[in-house]
Amino acid sequence: MSRLKASIQPTIELQSRVSDLKELAELVDEEDGPDAADIRRELDEVEAAYGRLELETLLSGEHDSANAIMEINAGAGGTEACDWVGMLLRMYLRWAERRGYRTEILNTVEGEVAGLRNVTVLMEGRNAYGYLRHERGVHRLVRISPFDSNKRRHTTFAAVDVIPELEDEVSVGIDPDDLKVDTFRSSGAGGQHVNKTDSAVRITHIPTGVVVTCQNERSQHKNRDNAIKVLAARLAEIQSEQNEQRMAELRGDLRAIEWGSQIRSYIFQPYTMVKDHRTDHQTGDVIRVMDGDIDDFVQSSMRSGVKSA
């Protein structure tokens, strides 16, 4: 009921605002009528609200309304790549904060010098997956590396993967007999308890070879629950990709599903620019983007109908 109300209420409110705006427009020429500038401001706000509502109609995928599980992995580039993962994590956390989403970091693997080799984060909020699935792909960074004593310009990569959180792992047919569960001590910072108990959990799905690790919670049971959620989402994604491949074969369209397709470049030097290579949308305000203001990139991908990598 709450989901249905959340879908219908914005339309009702917009209809009411449009009706009020029409009545105000009829009074604008009267002596005590409203000022035309005030009506123009209200019209701009209504048009913006309409744009947001129109955008939500594009979120019609099977899992678009679900929470999102995002994983960011460092590519080639050593410490520079690990630092890039940390930068991307901050960008997405700030984006989630702007939208009022709840975030929970499920697993981290720290880099040897700085940053993160891998991080998995849960984004909880309406349509989180519908928006973030357009971020799936390889993100490229070009800058003068703070880890290079010669101040040379470096290019490095990180891969972003996004899958929906499924409410019930039974929907993808997880058989407990197909799971190998290992427990071990958590690595990295976390205090005496984290480092001295076997609270970390690694689950291997034997038929597919999918491995999921969660270690950021103190409780082994909580880590296991989180790992099962991620595993269920990954198995559902595999099923979806297999269905897409079968449909492509029936159509004679042998589309490859590639991990390494670069979707966006973030250039800090010798000039500043963020460019999406799928839509050609770009901006010179790289600081704003890294502070989490990525809605224009997400929306341009949604409106253009491009498929996630």
Protein backbone atom coordinates (compact mmCIF):
# COMPACT_ATOMS: atom_id res chain seq x y z
CA MET A 1 0.00 0.00 0.00
CA SER A 2 2.77 2.43 0.89
CA ARG A 3 4.55 1.73 -2.43
CA LEU A 4 1.35 2.34 -4.38
CA LYS A 5 0.68 5.59 -2.52
CA ALA A 6 4.25 6.74 -3.17
CA SER A 7 3.65 6.13 -6.89
CA ILE A 8 0.26 7.85 -7.11
CA GLN A 9 0.61 10.80 -4.73
CA PRO A 10 3.17 12.79 -6.79
CA THR A 11 0.80 12.69 -9.78
CA ILE A 12 -2.15 13.91 -7.70
CA GLU A 13 -0.05 16.73 -6.23
CA LEU A 14 1.22 17.75 -9.67
CA GLN A 15 -2.32 17.86 -11.09
CA SER A 16 -3.38 20.11 -8.21
CA ARG A 17 -0.42 22.47 -8.76
CA VAL A 18 -1.17 22.71 -12.49
CA SER A 19 -4.82 23.52 -11.76
CA ASP A 20 -3.81 26.25 -9.27
CA LEU A 21 -1.32 27.64 -11.78
CA LYS A 22 -4.00 27.96 -14.46
CA GLU A 23 -6.24 29.91 -12.08
CA LEU A 24 -3.37 32.24 -11.13
CA ALA A 25 -2.53 32.83 -14.80
CA GLU A 26 -6.10 34.01 -15.44
CA LEU A 27 -5.74 36.60 -12.66
CA VAL A 28 -2.35 37.99 -13.67
CA ASP A 29 -3.74 41.00 -15.56
CA GLU A 30 -6.07 42.06 -12.75
CA GLU A 31 -5.09 44.93 -10.49
CA ASP A 32 -4.79 42.79 -7.36
CA GLY A 33 -3.69 39.71 -9.30
CA PRO A 34 -0.42 37.82 -8.84
CA ASP A 35 2.86 39.02 -10.32
CA ALA A 36 3.89 37.37 -13.59
CA ALA A 37 7.39 36.69 -12.21
CA ASP A 38 5.91 34.70 -9.32
CA ILE A 39 3.88 32.61 -11.75
CA ARG A 40 6.97 32.00 -13.87
CA ARG A 41 8.85 30.71 -10.83
CA GLU A 42 5.97 28.41 -9.93
CA LEU A 43 5.81 27.20 -13.53
CA ASP A 44 9.53 26.38 -13.46
CA GLU A 45 9.03 24.35 -10.28
CA VAL A 46 6.07 22.51 -11.80
CA GLU A 47 8.07 21.71 -14.94
CA ALA A 48 10.92 20.37 -12.79
CA ALA A 49 8.47 18.21 -10.83
CA TYR A 50 7.01 16.93 -14.09
CA GLY A 51 10.51 16.03 -15.30
CA ARG A 52 11.17 14.00 -12.15
CA LEU A 53 7.81 12.24 -12.49
CA GLU A 54 8.45 11.49 -16.16
CA LEU A 55 11.84 10.03 -15.26
CA GLU A 56 10.28 7.64 -12.74
CA THR A 57 8.08 6.18 -15.47
CA LEU A 58 11.31 4.81 -17.00
CA LEU A 59 11.88 2.72 -13.87
CA SER A 60 9.69 -0.14 -15.01
CA GLY A 61 12.19 -3.01 -14.87
CA GLU A 62 11.44 -6.11 -12.81
CA HIS A 63 13.78 -5.10 -9.97
CA ASP A 64 14.05 -1.32 -10.52
CA SER A 65 12.23 -0.52 -7.27
CA ALA A 66 14.55 -2.74 -5.21
CA ASN A 67 17.48 -1.83 -3.00
CA ALA A 68 20.87 -2.00 -4.71
CA ILE A 69 24.03 -3.92 -3.86
CA MET A 70 27.04 -2.15 -5.34
CA GLU A 71 30.52 -3.62 -5.63
CA ILE A 72 33.55 -1.57 -6.67
CA ASN A 73 36.77 -3.33 -7.66
CA ALA A 74 40.19 -1.83 -8.34
CA GLY A 75 41.61 -2.43 -11.80
CA ALA A 76 45.12 -1.98 -13.10
CA GLY A 77 47.11 0.74 -11.38
CA GLY A 78 48.15 -0.57 -7.96
CA THR A 79 47.78 1.95 -5.15
CA GLU A 80 46.34 4.53 -7.54
CA ALA A 81 43.53 2.15 -8.47
CA CYS A 82 42.80 1.37 -4.81
CA ASP A 83 42.58 5.09 -4.06
CA TRP A 84 40.20 5.47 -7.01
CA VAL A 85 37.90 2.84 -5.48
CA GLY A 86 37.80 4.88 -2.26
CA MET A 87 36.99 8.04 -4.22
CA LEU A 88 34.15 6.34 -6.10
CA LEU A 89 32.79 4.90 -2.85
CA ARG A 90 32.64 8.39 -1.33
CA MET A 91 30.93 9.73 -4.48
CA TYR A 92 28.18 7.12 -4.34
CA LEU A 93 27.72 7.45 -0.58
CA ARG A 94 27.28 11.21 -0.99
CA TRP A 95 24.81 10.58 -3.84
CA ALA A 96 22.83 8.21 -1.61
CA GLU A 97 22.85 10.77 1.20
CA ARG A 98 21.41 13.40 -1.16
CA ARG A 99 18.53 11.05 -1.99
CA GLY A 100 17.88 10.06 1.62
CA TYR A 101 18.96 6.46 1.10
CA ARG A 102 20.33 4.32 3.91
CA THR A 103 23.74 2.79 3.22
CA GLU A 104 25.57 -0.13 4.80
CA ILE A 105 29.08 -1.27 3.89
CA LEU A 106 28.95 -5.07 3.79
CA ASN A 107 32.57 -5.89 2.99
CA THR A 108 35.89 -4.13 2.38
CA VAL A 109 39.34 -5.28 1.32
CA GLU A 110 41.92 -2.60 2.02
CA GLY A 111 44.74 -1.69 -0.33
CA GLU A 112 48.33 -2.31 0.77
CA VAL A 113 49.20 1.41 0.92
CA ALA A 114 45.92 3.35 0.63
CA GLY A 115 42.35 3.03 -0.52
CA LEU A 116 40.41 -0.16 -1.12
CA ARG A 117 40.92 -3.09 -3.44
CA ASN A 118 37.26 -4.01 -3.15
CA VAL A 119 34.15 -2.73 -1.39
CA THR A 120 30.55 -3.93 -1.28
CA VAL A 121 27.84 -1.54 -0.12
CA LEU A 122 24.07 -1.88 0.28
CA MET A 123 21.94 1.10 -0.83
CA GLU A 124 18.47 1.00 0.70
CA GLY A 125 15.80 3.23 -0.80
CA ARG A 126 13.00 3.33 -3.37
CA ASN A 127 14.30 2.74 -6.92
CA ALA A 128 17.91 2.49 -5.77
CA TYR A 129 18.64 -0.32 -8.22
CA GLY A 130 16.69 1.36 -11.02
CA TYR A 131 18.99 4.37 -10.83
CA LEU A 132 22.30 2.74 -9.98
CA ARG A 133 22.19 -0.05 -12.57
CA HIS A 134 23.14 2.62 -15.10
CA GLU A 135 26.43 3.05 -13.25
CA ARG A 136 27.54 -0.53 -13.99
CA GLY A 137 30.77 -0.63 -15.98
CA VAL A 138 34.36 0.56 -15.93
CA HIS A 139 35.16 4.06 -14.64
CA ARG A 140 38.42 5.67 -15.78
CA LEU A 141 40.45 8.22 -13.80
CA VAL A 142 43.12 10.52 -15.24
CA ARG A 143 45.09 12.70 -12.81
CA ILE A 144 48.54 13.52 -11.43
CA SER A 145 48.96 10.77 -8.88
CA PRO A 146 49.68 11.87 -5.29
CA PHE A 147 51.56 8.58 -4.93
CA ASP A 148 54.04 9.39 -7.70
CA SER A 149 57.07 11.35 -6.45
CA ASN A 150 57.74 12.52 -10.04
CA LYS A 151 54.24 14.04 -10.30
CA ARG A 152 53.40 12.20 -13.50
CA ARG A 153 49.90 11.86 -14.89
CA HIS A 154 48.38 8.41 -14.35
CA THR A 155 45.40 6.62 -15.86
CA THR A 156 43.66 4.01 -13.75
CA PHE A 157 40.42 2.04 -13.73
CA ALA A 158 37.80 0.68 -11.35
CA ALA A 159 34.86 -1.59 -12.16
CA VAL A 160 31.41 -0.88 -10.69
CA ASP A 161 28.88 -3.71 -10.49
CA VAL A 162 25.30 -3.23 -9.30
CA ILE A 163 22.73 -5.93 -8.56
CA PRO A 164 19.29 -5.77 -6.91
CA GLU A 165 18.78 -6.97 -3.36
CA LEU A 166 16.23 -9.76 -3.39
CA GLU A 167 13.87 -10.08 -0.45
CA ASP A 168 13.74 -13.87 -0.59
CA GLU A 169 16.68 -16.02 -1.64
CA VAL A 170 14.29 -18.92 -2.30
CA SER A 171 13.18 -17.09 -5.46
CA VAL A 172 16.47 -18.04 -7.11
CA GLY A 173 16.44 -21.60 -5.81
CA ILE A 174 19.31 -21.65 -3.32
CA ASP A 175 19.77 -25.16 -1.97
CA PRO A 176 21.62 -25.20 1.39
CA ASP A 177 23.40 -28.37 0.24
CA ASP A 178 24.96 -26.33 -2.60
CA LEU A 179 26.66 -23.95 -0.17
CA LYS A 180 30.12 -24.21 1.36
CA VAL A 181 30.36 -21.89 4.37
CA ASP A 182 33.74 -20.90 5.84
CA THR A 183 34.34 -18.67 8.84
CA PHE A 184 37.55 -16.81 9.62
CA ARG A 185 38.88 -13.80 11.49
CA SER A 186 38.14 -10.41 10.00
CA SER A 187 41.03 -8.47 8.54
CA GLY A 188 41.86 -4.80 8.91
CA ALA A 189 40.82 -2.30 11.53
CA GLY A 190 37.91 -3.16 13.75
CA GLY A 191 38.97 -3.54 17.33
CA GLN A 192 39.87 -6.43 19.57
CA HIS A 193 36.60 -8.35 19.09
CA VAL A 194 36.69 -8.26 15.29
CA ASN A 195 40.25 -9.49 15.05
CA LYS A 196 40.03 -12.28 17.67
CA THR A 197 36.80 -14.08 16.74
CA ASP A 198 35.79 -16.00 13.62
CA SER A 199 33.07 -13.51 12.70
CA ALA A 200 33.84 -13.18 8.98
CA VAL A 201 31.90 -15.45 6.61
CA ARG A 202 32.75 -16.71 3.14
CA ILE A 203 30.02 -18.57 1.21
CA THR A 204 30.77 -20.50 -1.98
CA HIS A 205 27.93 -21.56 -4.25
CA ILE A 206 29.35 -24.85 -5.49
CA PRO A 207 27.36 -25.27 -8.77
CA THR A 208 28.33 -21.82 -10.10
CA GLY A 209 31.55 -21.12 -8.22
CA VAL A 210 30.24 -17.74 -7.01
CA VAL A 211 32.03 -16.66 -3.83
CA VAL A 212 30.71 -13.99 -1.45
CA THR A 213 32.55 -12.66 1.60
CA CYS A 214 31.17 -10.44 4.38
CA GLN A 215 33.21 -9.37 7.39
CA ASN A 216 32.21 -5.86 8.41
CA GLU A 217 29.76 -6.88 11.16
CA ARG A 218 30.78 -8.09 14.63
CA SER A 219 28.22 -10.89 14.50
CA GLN A 220 28.92 -14.00 12.46
CA HIS A 221 25.16 -14.47 11.98
CA LYS A 222 24.77 -10.94 10.63
CA ASN A 223 27.67 -11.45 8.24
CA ARG A 224 26.13 -14.73 7.09
CA ASP A 225 22.74 -13.09 6.47
CA ASN A 226 24.39 -10.31 4.45
CA ALA A 227 26.41 -12.84 2.46
CA ILE A 228 23.27 -14.83 1.61
CA LYS A 229 21.58 -11.62 0.39
CA VAL A 230 24.49 -10.78 -1.90
CA LEU A 231 24.70 -14.38 -3.13
CA ALA A 232 20.99 -14.48 -3.95
CA ALA A 233 21.29 -11.24 -5.89
CA ARG A 234 24.31 -12.51 -7.83
CA LEU A 235 22.60 -15.78 -8.74
CA ALA A 236 19.52 -13.87 -9.91
CA GLU A 237 21.77 -11.69 -12.06
CA ILE A 238 23.34 -14.79 -13.60
CA GLN A 239 19.89 -16.18 -14.39
CA SER A 240 18.89 -12.87 -15.98
CA GLU A 241 22.02 -12.78 -18.13
CA GLN A 242 21.46 -16.38 -19.23
CA ASN A 243 17.89 -15.51 -20.24
CA GLU A 244 19.15 -12.51 -22.21
CA GLN A 245 21.69 -14.67 -23.99
CA ARG A 246 19.04 -17.22 -24.95
CA MET A 247 16.78 -14.48 -26.31
CA ALA A 248 19.68 -12.97 -28.26
CA GLU A 249 20.42 -16.35 -29.83
CA LEU A 250 16.80 -16.72 -30.86
CA ARG A 251 16.97 -13.29 -32.52
CA GLY A 252 20.33 -14.07 -34.10
CA ASP A 253 21.87 -11.19 -32.14
CA LEU A 254 24.98 -12.53 -30.43
CA ARG A 255 25.64 -9.68 -28.05
CA ALA A 256 28.63 -10.13 -25.77
CA ILE A 257 28.23 -9.21 -22.11
CA GLU A 258 31.60 -7.61 -21.36
CA TRP A 259 33.00 -6.50 -18.01
CA GLY A 260 35.62 -4.18 -19.52
CA SER A 261 33.44 -1.69 -21.39
CA GLN A 262 34.43 1.79 -20.27
CA ILE A 263 31.40 3.94 -19.57
CA ARG A 264 32.81 7.14 -18.08
CA SER A 265 36.05 9.12 -17.76
CA TYR A 266 36.96 11.47 -14.91
CA ILE A 267 39.80 13.79 -15.92
CA PHE A 268 41.50 15.96 -13.29
CA GLN A 269 44.59 17.02 -15.32
CA PRO A 270 45.57 18.67 -17.63
CA TYR A 271 41.95 19.93 -17.67
CA THR A 272 38.83 18.98 -15.74
CA MET A 273 36.05 17.01 -17.36
CA VAL A 274 33.71 14.13 -16.61
CA LYS A 275 32.33 12.48 -19.75
CA ASP A 276 29.93 9.60 -20.21
CA HIS A 277 30.98 7.70 -23.34
CA ARG A 278 27.53 6.16 -23.84
CA THR A 279 25.54 9.38 -24.02
CA ASP A 280 28.29 12.01 -24.58
CA HIS A 281 26.94 13.90 -21.57
CA GLN A 282 29.78 15.82 -19.93
CA THR A 283 30.65 18.55 -17.46
CA GLY A 284 33.79 20.45 -16.48
CA ASP A 285 32.82 20.55 -12.79
CA VAL A 286 34.59 17.38 -11.69
CA ILE A 287 34.52 18.44 -8.02
CA ARG A 288 30.72 18.63 -8.04
CA VAL A 289 30.50 15.15 -9.55
CA MET A 290 32.94 13.64 -7.05
CA ASP A 291 30.81 15.19 -4.28
CA GLY A 292 27.93 12.96 -5.34
CA ASP A 293 26.03 15.16 -7.80
CA ILE A 294 25.68 12.54 -10.56
CA ASP A 295 21.94 12.73 -11.23
CA ASP A 296 22.40 14.40 -14.62
CA PHE A 297 24.61 11.50 -15.76
CA VAL A 298 22.17 8.88 -14.45
CA GLN A 299 19.21 10.65 -16.01
CA SER A 300 20.88 11.08 -19.40
CA SER A 301 21.55 7.32 -19.45
CA MET A 302 17.95 6.56 -18.51
CA ARG A 303 16.47 8.92 -21.09
CA SER A 304 18.73 7.70 -23.88
CA GLY A 305 17.77 4.10 -23.18
CA VAL A 306 21.35 2.83 -23.08
CA LYS A 307 21.88 -0.56 -21.52
CA SER A 308 24.17 -0.97 -18.53
CA ALA A 309 27.50 -2.60 -19.26
